[in-house]
């Protein structure tokens, strides 16, 4: 299944989570580590590329 932000947000809210929002890899202590949470297409084009993964954060 492919999730988009509205669908995944709705599922998280139904499961009892709150404060659902996009996770910002740039505001982490490991932002300088090139992991899959910041994978862009084309590869490494973090200025004008497109994020490959949908990363959401929520509170339980």
C-alpha atoms as a PDB file:
ATOM      1  CA  UNK A   1       0.000   0.000   0.000  1.00  0.00           C
ATOM      2  CA  UNK A   2       1.182   3.504  -0.723  1.00  0.00           C
ATOM      3  CA  UNK A   3       0.412   6.136   1.910  1.00  0.00           C
ATOM      4  CA  UNK A   4       0.064   9.856   1.402  1.00  0.00           C
ATOM      5  CA  UNK A   5       0.140  12.376   4.240  1.00  0.00           C
ATOM      6  CA  UNK A   6      -3.661  12.766   4.637  1.00  0.00           C
ATOM      7  CA  UNK A   7      -4.279   9.000   4.661  1.00  0.00           C
ATOM      8  CA  UNK A   8      -1.473   8.181   7.068  1.00  0.00           C
ATOM      9  CA  UNK A   9      -2.370  11.120   9.333  1.00  0.00           C
ATOM     10  CA  UNK A  10      -5.961   9.919   9.502  1.00  0.00           C
ATOM     11  CA  UNK A  11      -4.884   6.390  10.376  1.00  0.00           C
ATOM     12  CA  UNK A  12      -2.588   7.661  13.117  1.00  0.00           C
ATOM     13  CA  UNK A  13      -5.383   9.807  14.566  1.00  0.00           C
ATOM     14  CA  UNK A  14      -7.771   6.812  14.481  1.00  0.00           C
ATOM     15  CA  UNK A  15      -5.162   4.779  16.357  1.00  0.00           C
ATOM     16  CA  UNK A  16      -5.129   7.347  19.169  1.00  0.00           C
ATOM     17  CA  UNK A  17      -2.192   9.513  18.173  1.00  0.00           C
ATOM     18  CA  UNK A  18      -2.349  13.312  18.217  1.00  0.00           C
ATOM     19  CA  UNK A  19      -0.276  16.227  16.951  1.00  0.00           C
ATOM     20  CA  UNK A  20       0.460  14.489  13.643  1.00  0.00           C
ATOM     21  CA  UNK A  21       2.884  16.437  11.481  1.00  0.00           C
ATOM     22  CA  UNK A  22       5.683  15.943   8.998  1.00  0.00           C
ATOM     23  CA  UNK A  23       8.973  14.940  10.595  1.00  0.00           C
ATOM     24  CA  UNK A  24      11.715  17.427   9.757  1.00  0.00           C
ATOM     25  CA  UNK A  25      15.049  15.653   9.373  1.00  0.00           C
ATOM     26  CA  UNK A  26      16.824  19.029   9.365  1.00  0.00           C
ATOM     27  CA  UNK A  27      15.872  19.656  13.007  1.00  0.00           C
ATOM     28  CA  UNK A  28      17.458  16.548  14.528  1.00  0.00           C
ATOM     29  CA  UNK A  29      20.722  15.930  16.290  1.00  0.00           C
ATOM     30  CA  UNK A  30      21.737  13.600  13.461  1.00  0.00           C
ATOM     31  CA  UNK A  31      20.857  15.869  10.512  1.00  0.00           C
ATOM     32  CA  UNK A  32      24.427  15.564   9.235  1.00  0.00           C
ATOM     33  CA  UNK A  33      24.074  11.769   8.839  1.00  0.00           C
ATOM     34  CA  UNK A  34      22.820  10.773   5.384  1.00  0.00           C
ATOM     35  CA  UNK A  35      20.166   8.203   6.298  1.00  0.00           C
ATOM     36  CA  UNK A  36      17.007   7.157   4.468  1.00  0.00           C
ATOM     37  CA  UNK A  37      14.872   9.754   6.270  1.00  0.00           C
ATOM     38  CA  UNK A  38      16.518  12.418   4.126  1.00  0.00           C
ATOM     39  CA  UNK A  39      16.851  10.509   0.851  1.00  0.00           C
ATOM     40  CA  UNK A  40      16.104  12.753  -2.122  1.00  0.00           C
ATOM     41  CA  UNK A  41      15.537  12.223  -5.815  1.00  0.00           C
ATOM     42  CA  UNK A  42      17.798  12.860  -7.555  1.00  0.00           C
ATOM     43  CA  UNK A  43      20.208  11.426  -4.992  1.00  0.00           C
ATOM     44  CA  UNK A  44      21.743  13.988  -2.614  1.00  0.00           C
ATOM     45  CA  UNK A  45      19.906  16.934  -4.218  1.00  0.00           C
ATOM     46  CA  UNK A  46      18.586  18.282  -0.906  1.00  0.00           C
ATOM     47  CA  UNK A  47      18.153  21.812  -2.249  1.00  0.00           C
ATOM     48  CA  UNK A  48      15.771  21.206  -5.160  1.00  0.00           C
ATOM     49  CA  UNK A  49      15.191  17.431  -5.127  1.00  0.00           C
ATOM     50  CA  UNK A  50      12.141  15.634  -3.802  1.00  0.00           C
ATOM     51  CA  UNK A  51      12.043  13.588  -0.584  1.00  0.00           C
ATOM     52  CA  UNK A  52      11.697   9.882  -1.322  1.00  0.00           C
ATOM     53  CA  UNK A  53       9.956   8.896   1.921  1.00  0.00           C
ATOM     54  CA  UNK A  54       6.931  10.113   3.800  1.00  0.00           C
ATOM     55  CA  UNK A  55       8.004  10.674   7.408  1.00  0.00           C
ATOM     56  CA  UNK A  56       5.395  11.702   9.946  1.00  0.00           C
ATOM     57  CA  UNK A  57       5.713  12.253  13.676  1.00  0.00           C
ATOM     58  CA  UNK A  58       2.910  11.968  16.218  1.00  0.00           C
ATOM     59  CA  UNK A  59       2.307  11.883  19.963  1.00  0.00           C
ATOM     60  CA  UNK A  60       0.736   8.879  21.714  1.00  0.00           C
END
